[in-house]
Every structure is written in structure tokens, then in C-alpha cells.
C-alpha atoms as a PDB file:
ATOM      1  CA  UNK A   1      32.788   4.900  10.321  1.00  0.00           C
ATOM      2  CA  UNK A   2      34.257   8.148   9.353  1.00  0.00           C
ATOM      3  CA  UNK A   3      33.673   8.871   5.520  1.00  0.00           C
ATOM      4  CA  UNK A   4      31.553  11.780   3.655  1.00  0.00           C
ATOM      5  CA  UNK A   5      29.018   9.203   3.147  1.00  0.00           C
ATOM      6  CA  UNK A   6      29.090   7.962   6.045  1.00  0.00           C
ATOM      7  CA  UNK A   7      28.735  12.215   7.508  1.00  0.00           C
ATOM      8  CA  UNK A   8      25.391  12.117   4.972  1.00  0.00           C
ATOM      9  CA  UNK A   9      24.088   9.319   7.104  1.00  0.00           C
ATOM     10  CA  UNK A  10      24.422  10.689  10.646  1.00  0.00           C
ATOM     11  CA  UNK A  11      22.548  13.818   9.077  1.00  0.00           C
ATOM     12  CA  UNK A  12      19.914  11.541   7.860  1.00  0.00           C
ATOM     13  CA  UNK A  13      19.137   9.966  10.727  1.00  0.00           C
ATOM     14  CA  UNK A  14      19.335  12.593  12.899  1.00  0.00           C
ATOM     15  CA  UNK A  15      16.552  14.993  10.705  1.00  0.00           C
ATOM     16  CA  UNK A  16      14.951  12.773   8.842  1.00  0.00           C
ATOM     17  CA  UNK A  17      11.230  13.306  10.950  1.00  0.00           C
ATOM     18  CA  UNK A  18      11.744  16.698   9.850  1.00  0.00           C
ATOM     19  CA  UNK A  19      12.683  15.975   6.192  1.00  0.00           C
ATOM     20  CA  UNK A  20      10.398  13.447   5.656  1.00  0.00           C
ATOM     21  CA  UNK A  21       7.383  15.776   7.534  1.00  0.00           C
ATOM     22  CA  UNK A  22       8.909  18.788   5.099  1.00  0.00           C
ATOM     23  CA  UNK A  23       8.785  16.031   1.414  1.00  0.00           C
ATOM     24  CA  UNK A  24       5.624  14.464   2.444  1.00  0.00           C
ATOM     25  CA  UNK A  25       3.913  18.585   3.262  1.00  0.00           C
ATOM     26  CA  UNK A  26       5.644  19.219  -1.045  1.00  0.00           C
ATOM     27  CA  UNK A  27       4.106  15.492  -2.520  1.00  0.00           C
ATOM     28  CA  UNK A  28       0.724  17.122  -0.760  1.00  0.00           C
ATOM     29  CA  UNK A  29       0.770  19.773  -2.240  1.00  0.00           C
ATOM     30  CA  UNK A  30       1.392  18.433  -5.758  1.00  0.00           C
ATOM     31  CA  UNK A  31      -1.109  16.062  -5.623  1.00  0.00           C
ATOM     32  CA  UNK A  32      -3.375  18.550  -4.425  1.00  0.00           C
ATOM     33  CA  UNK A  33      -4.417  16.035  -1.078  1.00  0.00           C
ATOM     34  CA  UNK A  34      -3.413  15.178   1.573  1.00  0.00           C
ATOM     35  CA  UNK A  35      -1.412  11.865   2.278  1.00  0.00           C
ATOM     36  CA  UNK A  36      -1.474  11.728   6.649  1.00  0.00           C
ATOM     37  CA  UNK A  37      -2.159   8.771   7.249  1.00  0.00           C
ATOM     38  CA  UNK A  38      -6.040   7.870   7.415  1.00  0.00           C
ATOM     39  CA  UNK A  39      -8.949   5.557   9.573  1.00  0.00           C
ATOM     40  CA  UNK A  40      -7.106   2.803   6.755  1.00  0.00           C
ATOM     41  CA  UNK A  41      -4.186   1.121   6.369  1.00  0.00           C
ATOM     42  CA  UNK A  42      -5.388   0.009   2.753  1.00  0.00           C
ATOM     43  CA  UNK A  43      -5.237   4.249   1.320  1.00  0.00           C
ATOM     44  CA  UNK A  44      -2.789   5.200  -0.229  1.00  0.00           C
ATOM     45  CA  UNK A  45      -1.872   8.110   1.306  1.00  0.00           C
ATOM     46  CA  UNK A  46      -1.777   6.275   4.665  1.00  0.00           C
ATOM     47  CA  UNK A  47       0.605   3.909   2.853  1.00  0.00           C
ATOM     48  CA  UNK A  48       2.706   7.062   1.410  1.00  0.00           C
ATOM     49  CA  UNK A  49       2.571   8.714   4.692  1.00  0.00           C
ATOM     50  CA  UNK A  50       3.261   5.973   6.644  1.00  0.00           C
ATOM     51  CA  UNK A  51       6.280   4.445   4.746  1.00  0.00           C
ATOM     52  CA  UNK A  52       7.563   7.431   3.879  1.00  0.00           C
ATOM     53  CA  UNK A  53      10.588   7.209   6.872  1.00  0.00           C
ATOM     54  CA  UNK A  54      11.636   3.635   6.276  1.00  0.00           C
ATOM     55  CA  UNK A  55      12.658   5.633   2.768  1.00  0.00           C
ATOM     56  CA  UNK A  56      14.928   8.190   4.698  1.00  0.00           C
ATOM     57  CA  UNK A  57      16.462   4.690   6.326  1.00  0.00           C
ATOM     58  CA  UNK A  58      16.943   2.702   4.038  1.00  0.00           C
ATOM     59  CA  UNK A  59      18.932   5.884   2.137  1.00  0.00           C
ATOM     60  CA  UNK A  60      21.128   6.253   4.574  1.00  0.00           C
ATOM     61  CA  UNK A  61      22.175   2.228   5.144  1.00  0.00           C
ATOM     62  CA  UNK A  62      22.848   2.584   1.691  1.00  0.00           C
ATOM     63  CA  UNK A  63      25.038   5.484   2.475  1.00  0.00           C
ATOM     64  CA  UNK A  64      27.301   3.519   5.213  1.00  0.00           C
ATOM     65  CA  UNK A  65      27.196  -0.665   3.104  1.00  0.00           C
ATOM     66  CA  UNK A  66      28.362   1.468  -0.131  1.00  0.00           C
ATOM     67  CA  UNK A  67      25.506  -0.886  -1.278  1.00  0.00           C
ATOM     68  CA  UNK A  68      23.222   1.344  -4.123  1.00  0.00           C
ATOM     69  CA  UNK A  69      20.852  -0.989  -4.521  1.00  0.00           C
ATOM     70  CA  UNK A  70      19.223  -0.148  -1.072  1.00  0.00           C
ATOM     71  CA  UNK A  71      17.365   2.534  -2.380  1.00  0.00           C
ATOM     72  CA  UNK A  72      16.838   0.527  -5.857  1.00  0.00           C
ATOM     73  CA  UNK A  73      15.071  -2.136  -4.543  1.00  0.00           C
ATOM     74  CA  UNK A  74      13.219   0.104  -1.924  1.00  0.00           C
ATOM     75  CA  UNK A  75      12.195   2.152  -4.889  1.00  0.00           C
ATOM     76  CA  UNK A  76      10.861  -0.648  -6.844  1.00  0.00           C
ATOM     77  CA  UNK A  77       8.738  -2.038  -2.800  1.00  0.00           C
ATOM     78  CA  UNK A  78       7.076   1.232  -2.483  1.00  0.00           C
ATOM     79  CA  UNK A  79       6.778   1.315  -6.655  1.00  0.00           C
ATOM     80  CA  UNK A  80       4.388  -1.431  -5.321  1.00  0.00           C
ATOM     81  CA  UNK A  81       2.825  -1.062  -1.973  1.00  0.00           C
ATOM     82  CA  UNK A  82       1.717   1.527  -3.438  1.00  0.00           C
ATOM     83  CA  UNK A  83       0.184   0.390  -7.141  1.00  0.00           C
ATOM     84  CA  UNK A  84      -1.209  -2.156  -4.860  1.00  0.00           C
ATOM     85  CA  UNK A  85      -3.353   0.409  -3.333  1.00  0.00           C
ATOM     86  CA  UNK A  86      -4.691   1.889  -6.494  1.00  0.00           C
ATOM     87  CA  UNK A  87      -2.459   4.968  -5.914  1.00  0.00           C
ATOM     88  CA  UNK A  88      -1.977   8.051  -7.534  1.00  0.00           C
ATOM     89  CA  UNK A  89       0.686   7.107 -10.624  1.00  0.00           C
ATOM     90  CA  UNK A  90       2.120  10.477  -9.308  1.00  0.00           C
ATOM     91  CA  UNK A  91       2.722   9.718  -6.296  1.00  0.00           C
ATOM     92  CA  UNK A  92       6.080   8.100  -5.684  1.00  0.00           C
ATOM     93  CA  UNK A  93       7.371  10.238  -8.216  1.00  0.00           C
ATOM     94  CA  UNK A  94       5.985  13.447  -6.405  1.00  0.00           C
ATOM     95  CA  UNK A  95       7.209  11.954  -3.089  1.00  0.00           C
ATOM     96  CA  UNK A  96      10.685  10.581  -4.809  1.00  0.00           C
ATOM     97  CA  UNK A  97      11.366  14.564  -6.139  1.00  0.00           C
ATOM     98  CA  UNK A  98      10.680  15.652  -2.574  1.00  0.00           C
ATOM     99  CA  UNK A  99      12.797  14.135  -0.193  1.00  0.00           C
ATOM    100  CA  UNK A 100      15.582  14.472  -3.406  1.00  0.00           C
ATOM    101  CA  UNK A 101      14.954  18.040  -2.402  1.00  0.00           C
ATOM    102  CA  UNK A 102      15.704  17.723   0.964  1.00  0.00           C
ATOM    103  CA  UNK A 103      18.944  15.674   0.078  1.00  0.00           C
ATOM    104  CA  UNK A 104      20.106  19.057  -2.469  1.00  0.00           C
ATOM    105  CA  UNK A 105      22.896  19.343  -0.603  1.00  0.00           C
ATOM    106  CA  UNK A 106      24.242  16.171   0.365  1.00  0.00           C
ATOM    107  CA  UNK A 107      25.467  14.099  -3.048  1.00  0.00           C
ATOM    108  CA  UNK A 108      25.928  11.131  -2.775  1.00  0.00           C
ATOM    109  CA  UNK A 109      22.277  11.084  -1.134  1.00  0.00           C
ATOM    110  CA  UNK A 110      21.009  12.987  -3.666  1.00  0.00           C
ATOM    111  CA  UNK A 111      23.019  10.953  -6.477  1.00  0.00           C
ATOM    112  CA  UNK A 112      21.309   7.750  -5.116  1.00  0.00           C
ATOM    113  CA  UNK A 113      18.254   8.819  -4.620  1.00  0.00           C
ATOM    114  CA  UNK A 114      18.917   9.959  -8.476  1.00  0.00           C
ATOM    115  CA  UNK A 115      19.514   6.562  -9.827  1.00  0.00           C
ATOM    116  CA  UNK A 116      16.527   5.022  -8.337  1.00  0.00           C
ATOM    117  CA  UNK A 117      14.249   6.109  -9.925  1.00  0.00           C
END
């Protein structure tokens, strides 16, 4: 695939781990709480950290397919997962904003995240 969105997706997939690490660090700082995977998978911080890489993967998928609903549905799903674990209500907005910061120079990716927040 050769189009601007595919190029953004390739960058996301190549640097996704680094982006997620930075986004989780920013989220932890904003929340004043550790969000690394914990001993129990039911801990919401663990869920936040464990599922964060999926956001980048689904964002890349949406760019490749031209289907923005992939990111919308990911946001809805993530909100439900975190609510089911009694997460801090700021957790997803903070993570979403941190990922948006990481992709700020990728106009299509940034627009998809803004649309879903």
C-alpha cells in the first residue's frame, strides 16, 4: 500500500512500543499512579498498561483500511474494560491524550484519535 495513511501506519507499527511507553509514563504522571502491569490482571492500572499497545495497533489498522470506526470502537471497548475494573475516570482520557501527543505529527492518526475521544 502506498498512500499517506499507510505511511503513517508503518511509522506507528515501527515505533509503537516506544510510543506506548512514553504515553503510559505521561499517563502515570498525570494520574499520580503507577500504571504498569500488576500482579493481578483485574487491577485497572494493569489493564490500562496491558491494553495500551492495542490502541496503537488498531490506529494503524484504521489508517490502512480507511475505516475510522476501528478507533471509535476501540475507545468504546477500552472505556468498558476500564469501567469494569473501577478505573479512575481520568485514566482513558489521559492515556488517549498522551497517545495523541505521541502521534501529533501524523495528521491522519491524530484526527482519528480526536474523533474517538
